[in-house]
Amino acid sequence: MELGDEAVEAHRGIGRFAAESGIDLVVAVGGDLAEQLALAAGAAGVPEVAMVGDNKTAAAFLHGVLQPGDKVLVKASRGGQLWQIAQSLTGQPVTDLSGRHLP
C-alpha cells in the first residue's frame, strides 16, 4: 500500500524473486497487486501458485496444504493485516488492527 507508482512492478519483482529463490508455493492474497505477484511467480517458475481474496481463505488453504517442517513467509503492508494468517497458522487468536480478537 505504500509503494505508490512502483507498486505493480514491485509486486511482479517479488513474484520473480520467489521463483529465483526456489519457493514451492506462493499464495497471493487480495486484488490486482496480488494477482500481479501471482502471475509473475507462475511465469517465472514457481510450481504452485494460489490466488485468494482474503486472509481467512488464505489461512484455511494453508492449513490444508502445509506439512510439518514447511516454512512460511507472510509479507505485506500493515494494511493487509496478513499477521492474521500467521496467527491462525500458529494457533494464536486472530486480531484486527486495534488488537481485538476476531471470531
N, C-alpha and C. Protein backbone atom coordinates (compact mmCIF):
# COMPACT_ATOMS: atom_id res chain seq x y z
N MET A 1 0.81 -1.20 0.00
CA MET A 1 0.00 0.00 0.00
C MET A 1 0.85 1.26 0.00
N GLU A 2 2.10 1.14 0.39
CA GLU A 2 2.97 2.31 0.49
C GLU A 2 3.89 2.47 -0.71
N LEU A 3 3.73 1.65 -1.75
CA LEU A 3 4.68 1.64 -2.85
C LEU A 3 4.37 2.66 -3.94
N GLY A 4 3.18 3.21 -3.96
CA GLY A 4 2.83 4.22 -4.94
C GLY A 4 2.95 3.74 -6.37
N ASP A 5 3.58 4.56 -7.20
CA ASP A 5 3.70 4.27 -8.64
C ASP A 5 4.51 3.00 -8.94
N GLU A 6 5.30 2.58 -8.00
CA GLU A 6 6.15 1.40 -8.22
C GLU A 6 5.47 0.10 -7.78
N ALA A 7 4.24 0.17 -7.33
CA ALA A 7 3.57 -0.99 -6.74
C ALA A 7 3.47 -2.19 -7.68
N VAL A 8 3.03 -1.97 -8.90
CA VAL A 8 2.83 -3.09 -9.83
C VAL A 8 4.15 -3.79 -10.10
N GLU A 9 5.17 -3.05 -10.46
CA GLU A 9 6.46 -3.68 -10.78
C GLU A 9 7.09 -4.29 -9.53
N ALA A 10 6.92 -3.68 -8.39
CA ALA A 10 7.47 -4.25 -7.15
C ALA A 10 6.82 -5.60 -6.85
N HIS A 11 5.51 -5.71 -7.05
CA HIS A 11 4.84 -6.98 -6.81
C HIS A 11 5.28 -8.04 -7.83
N ARG A 12 5.42 -7.64 -9.06
CA ARG A 12 5.92 -8.57 -10.08
C ARG A 12 7.34 -9.03 -9.73
N GLY A 13 8.15 -8.11 -9.25
CA GLY A 13 9.52 -8.44 -8.87
C GLY A 13 9.57 -9.45 -7.73
N ILE A 14 8.69 -9.33 -6.77
CA ILE A 14 8.64 -10.30 -5.67
C ILE A 14 8.22 -11.67 -6.20
N GLY A 15 7.29 -11.70 -7.13
CA GLY A 15 6.91 -12.97 -7.74
C GLY A 15 8.09 -13.64 -8.43
N ARG A 16 8.85 -12.86 -9.19
CA ARG A 16 10.04 -13.41 -9.86
C ARG A 16 11.09 -13.85 -8.84
N PHE A 17 11.27 -13.05 -7.79
CA PHE A 17 12.23 -13.39 -6.74
C PHE A 17 11.86 -14.70 -6.06
N ALA A 18 10.57 -14.92 -5.85
CA ALA A 18 10.13 -16.19 -5.24
C ALA A 18 10.57 -17.36 -6.10
N ALA A 19 10.43 -17.24 -7.40
CA ALA A 19 10.85 -18.32 -8.30
C ALA A 19 12.36 -18.51 -8.25
N GLU A 20 13.10 -17.41 -8.29
CA GLU A 20 14.56 -17.48 -8.26
C GLU A 20 15.06 -18.08 -6.95
N SER A 21 14.27 -17.95 -5.90
CA SER A 21 14.67 -18.44 -4.57
C SER A 21 14.26 -19.88 -4.32
N GLY A 22 13.61 -20.50 -5.30
CA GLY A 22 13.22 -21.89 -5.15
C GLY A 22 11.97 -22.11 -4.32
N ILE A 23 11.13 -21.11 -4.21
CA ILE A 23 9.89 -21.23 -3.45
C ILE A 23 8.97 -22.22 -4.15
N ASP A 24 8.33 -23.09 -3.37
CA ASP A 24 7.44 -24.12 -3.92
C ASP A 24 6.00 -23.66 -4.10
N LEU A 25 5.56 -22.71 -3.27
CA LEU A 25 4.17 -22.27 -3.30
C LEU A 25 4.09 -20.80 -2.95
N VAL A 26 3.37 -20.05 -3.76
CA VAL A 26 3.05 -18.66 -3.46
C VAL A 26 1.54 -18.57 -3.33
N VAL A 27 1.09 -18.02 -2.21
CA VAL A 27 -0.33 -17.74 -2.01
C VAL A 27 -0.46 -16.22 -1.99
N ALA A 28 -1.07 -15.68 -3.01
CA ALA A 28 -1.26 -14.25 -3.12
C ALA A 28 -2.64 -13.89 -2.60
N VAL A 29 -2.70 -12.90 -1.71
CA VAL A 29 -3.94 -12.54 -1.05
C VAL A 29 -4.34 -11.13 -1.46
N GLY A 30 -5.54 -10.99 -1.98
CA GLY A 30 -6.02 -9.65 -2.28
C GLY A 30 -6.49 -9.50 -3.70
N GLY A 31 -6.31 -8.29 -4.24
CA GLY A 31 -6.83 -7.93 -5.54
C GLY A 31 -5.79 -7.86 -6.63
N ASP A 32 -5.78 -6.73 -7.33
CA ASP A 32 -4.96 -6.59 -8.53
C ASP A 32 -3.46 -6.74 -8.29
N LEU A 33 -2.94 -6.15 -7.23
CA LEU A 33 -1.50 -6.25 -6.97
C LEU A 33 -1.10 -7.68 -6.62
N ALA A 34 -1.92 -8.35 -5.83
CA ALA A 34 -1.65 -9.75 -5.50
C ALA A 34 -1.68 -10.60 -6.76
N GLU A 35 -2.60 -10.28 -7.66
CA GLU A 35 -2.68 -11.01 -8.92
C GLU A 35 -1.40 -10.82 -9.75
N GLN A 36 -0.87 -9.61 -9.76
CA GLN A 36 0.38 -9.36 -10.48
C GLN A 36 1.52 -10.20 -9.91
N LEU A 37 1.60 -10.28 -8.59
CA LEU A 37 2.61 -11.09 -7.93
C LEU A 37 2.44 -12.56 -8.32
N ALA A 38 1.21 -13.06 -8.25
CA ALA A 38 0.93 -14.46 -8.56
C ALA A 38 1.28 -14.79 -10.02
N LEU A 39 0.87 -13.92 -10.94
CA LEU A 39 1.15 -14.16 -12.35
C LEU A 39 2.65 -14.18 -12.63
N ALA A 40 3.36 -13.23 -12.04
CA ALA A 40 4.81 -13.18 -12.25
C ALA A 40 5.49 -14.40 -11.64
N ALA A 41 5.04 -14.83 -10.47
CA ALA A 41 5.62 -16.01 -9.82
C ALA A 41 5.43 -17.25 -10.69
N GLY A 42 4.23 -17.44 -11.18
CA GLY A 42 3.95 -18.60 -12.03
C GLY A 42 4.75 -18.55 -13.33
N ALA A 43 4.79 -17.39 -13.95
CA ALA A 43 5.52 -17.25 -15.21
C ALA A 43 7.01 -17.48 -15.02
N ALA A 44 7.52 -17.16 -13.83
CA ALA A 44 8.96 -17.32 -13.57
C ALA A 44 9.31 -18.71 -13.07
N GLY A 45 8.31 -19.55 -12.82
CA GLY A 45 8.62 -20.94 -12.49
C GLY A 45 8.24 -21.44 -11.12
N VAL A 46 7.52 -20.67 -10.31
CA VAL A 46 7.04 -21.21 -9.03
C VAL A 46 6.07 -22.35 -9.37
N PRO A 47 6.30 -23.55 -8.83
CA PRO A 47 5.50 -24.71 -9.23
C PRO A 47 4.02 -24.61 -8.89
N GLU A 48 3.68 -23.97 -7.79
CA GLU A 48 2.27 -23.87 -7.40
C GLU A 48 1.98 -22.44 -6.95
N VAL A 49 0.94 -21.87 -7.54
CA VAL A 49 0.52 -20.51 -7.21
C VAL A 49 -0.97 -20.54 -6.94
N ALA A 50 -1.37 -19.93 -5.83
CA ALA A 50 -2.78 -19.82 -5.49
C ALA A 50 -3.12 -18.35 -5.30
N MET A 51 -4.30 -17.98 -5.73
CA MET A 51 -4.79 -16.60 -5.58
C MET A 51 -6.06 -16.69 -4.74
N VAL A 52 -6.07 -15.99 -3.61
CA VAL A 52 -7.24 -15.97 -2.74
C VAL A 52 -7.63 -14.53 -2.43
N GLY A 53 -8.88 -14.34 -2.03
CA GLY A 53 -9.39 -13.00 -1.84
C GLY A 53 -9.16 -12.38 -0.48
N ASP A 54 -8.96 -13.22 0.54
CA ASP A 54 -8.85 -12.64 1.88
C ASP A 54 -8.00 -13.52 2.80
N ASN A 55 -7.67 -12.97 3.96
CA ASN A 55 -6.78 -13.65 4.91
C ASN A 55 -7.38 -14.93 5.45
N LYS A 56 -8.66 -14.92 5.74
CA LYS A 56 -9.31 -16.12 6.29
C LYS A 56 -9.23 -17.28 5.28
N THR A 57 -9.47 -16.99 4.02
CA THR A 57 -9.37 -18.01 2.98
C THR A 57 -7.93 -18.50 2.83
N ALA A 58 -6.99 -17.57 2.88
CA ALA A 58 -5.58 -17.95 2.79
C ALA A 58 -5.19 -18.88 3.93
N ALA A 59 -5.60 -18.55 5.15
CA ALA A 59 -5.27 -19.39 6.30
C ALA A 59 -5.88 -20.77 6.15
N ALA A 60 -7.14 -20.84 5.72
CA ALA A 60 -7.80 -22.14 5.55
C ALA A 60 -7.08 -22.96 4.48
N PHE A 61 -6.70 -22.33 3.38
CA PHE A 61 -5.97 -23.02 2.32
C PHE A 61 -4.65 -23.58 2.87
N LEU A 62 -3.90 -22.74 3.56
CA LEU A 62 -2.61 -23.16 4.08
C LEU A 62 -2.74 -24.27 5.12
N HIS A 63 -3.75 -24.19 5.97
CA HIS A 63 -3.97 -25.27 6.94
C HIS A 63 -4.15 -26.61 6.21
N GLY A 64 -4.72 -26.56 5.01
CA GLY A 64 -4.96 -27.78 4.25
C GLY A 64 -3.76 -28.33 3.50
N VAL A 65 -2.75 -27.50 3.24
CA VAL A 65 -1.63 -27.97 2.42
C VAL A 65 -0.30 -28.04 3.14
N LEU A 66 -0.14 -27.32 4.22
CA LEU A 66 1.17 -27.31 4.90
C LEU A 66 1.45 -28.63 5.59
N GLN A 67 2.70 -29.00 5.57
CA GLN A 67 3.17 -30.23 6.20
C GLN A 67 4.16 -29.86 7.31
N PRO A 68 4.34 -30.74 8.31
CA PRO A 68 5.34 -30.46 9.34
C PRO A 68 6.70 -30.17 8.70
N GLY A 69 7.35 -29.14 9.19
CA GLY A 69 8.65 -28.75 8.67
C GLY A 69 8.61 -27.71 7.57
N ASP A 70 7.43 -27.44 7.00
CA ASP A 70 7.32 -26.40 5.99
C ASP A 70 7.61 -25.04 6.62
N LYS A 71 8.14 -24.16 5.81
CA LYS A 71 8.44 -22.79 6.26
C LYS A 71 7.51 -21.84 5.52
N VAL A 72 7.03 -20.83 6.23
CA VAL A 72 6.08 -19.88 5.67
C VAL A 72 6.60 -18.47 5.90
N LEU A 73 6.60 -17.66 4.87
CA LEU A 73 6.89 -16.23 4.98
C LEU A 73 5.60 -15.50 4.68
N VAL A 74 5.18 -14.65 5.60
CA VAL A 74 3.99 -13.83 5.43
C VAL A 74 4.46 -12.39 5.31
N LYS A 75 4.16 -11.74 4.16
CA LYS A 75 4.68 -10.39 3.94
C LYS A 75 3.63 -9.54 3.26
N ALA A 76 3.40 -8.35 3.82
CA ALA A 76 2.51 -7.36 3.22
C ALA A 76 2.66 -6.06 3.98
N SER A 77 2.00 -5.03 3.49
CA SER A 77 1.94 -3.79 4.26
C SER A 77 1.04 -4.04 5.47
N ARG A 78 1.15 -3.19 6.45
CA ARG A 78 0.32 -3.33 7.66
C ARG A 78 -1.16 -3.36 7.32
N GLY A 79 -1.55 -2.59 6.32
CA GLY A 79 -2.95 -2.53 5.92
C GLY A 79 -3.50 -3.87 5.46
N GLY A 80 -2.64 -4.74 4.97
CA GLY A 80 -3.08 -6.06 4.52
C GLY A 80 -3.41 -7.00 5.67
N GLN A 81 -2.96 -6.68 6.85
CA GLN A 81 -3.24 -7.46 8.07
C GLN A 81 -2.90 -8.95 7.93
N LEU A 82 -1.87 -9.27 7.14
CA LEU A 82 -1.54 -10.68 6.94
C LEU A 82 -1.04 -11.36 8.21
N TRP A 83 -0.77 -10.59 9.26
CA TRP A 83 -0.43 -11.24 10.53
C TRP A 83 -1.55 -12.18 10.96
N GLN A 84 -2.77 -11.93 10.48
CA GLN A 84 -3.89 -12.80 10.82
C GLN A 84 -3.65 -14.23 10.33
N ILE A 85 -3.01 -14.36 9.19
CA ILE A 85 -2.68 -15.69 8.67
C ILE A 85 -1.66 -16.36 9.57
N ALA A 86 -0.63 -15.63 9.94
CA ALA A 86 0.39 -16.18 10.84
C ALA A 86 -0.22 -16.56 12.18
N GLN A 87 -1.11 -15.72 12.70
CA GLN A 87 -1.77 -16.03 13.97
C GLN A 87 -2.55 -17.34 13.84
N SER A 88 -3.30 -17.48 12.78
CA SER A 88 -4.09 -18.69 12.58
C SER A 88 -3.21 -19.92 12.47
N LEU A 89 -2.12 -19.82 11.70
CA LEU A 89 -1.25 -20.96 11.50
C LEU A 89 -0.53 -21.39 12.77
N THR A 90 -0.31 -20.45 13.67
CA THR A 90 0.40 -20.77 14.92
C THR A 90 -0.54 -20.97 16.10
N GLY A 91 -1.85 -20.99 15.85
CA GLY A 91 -2.82 -21.27 16.89
C GLY A 91 -3.12 -20.10 17.82
N GLN A 92 -2.70 -18.91 17.44
CA GLN A 92 -2.98 -17.72 18.26
C GLN A 92 -4.37 -17.17 17.93
N PRO A 93 -4.95 -16.40 18.84
CA PRO A 93 -6.20 -15.71 18.49
C PRO A 93 -5.94 -14.71 17.36
N VAL A 94 -6.85 -14.63 16.42
CA VAL A 94 -6.71 -13.73 15.28
C VAL A 94 -7.24 -12.36 15.69
N THR A 95 -6.44 -11.31 15.41
CA THR A 95 -6.78 -9.96 15.84
C THR A 95 -6.89 -9.00 14.66
N ASP A 96 -7.61 -7.89 14.89
CA ASP A 96 -7.70 -6.84 13.89
C ASP A 96 -6.66 -5.77 14.16
N LEU A 97 -6.74 -4.66 13.44
CA LEU A 97 -5.75 -3.58 13.58
C LEU A 97 -5.66 -3.03 15.00
N SER A 98 -6.78 -3.05 15.72
CA SER A 98 -6.77 -2.50 17.08
C SER A 98 -6.38 -3.54 18.12
N GLY A 99 -6.14 -4.78 17.69
CA GLY A 99 -5.76 -5.83 18.62
C GLY A 99 -6.94 -6.63 19.18
N ARG A 100 -8.14 -6.30 18.74
CA ARG A 100 -9.33 -7.05 19.18
C ARG A 100 -9.37 -8.41 18.52
N HIS A 101 -9.79 -9.40 19.26
CA HIS A 101 -9.91 -10.75 18.73
C HIS A 101 -11.09 -10.83 17.78
N LEU A 102 -10.87 -11.53 16.67
CA LEU A 102 -11.92 -11.74 15.69
C LEU A 102 -12.51 -13.15 15.87
N PRO A 103 -13.76 -13.31 15.44
CA PRO A 103 -14.38 -14.65 15.55
C PRO A 103 -13.72 -15.68 14.65
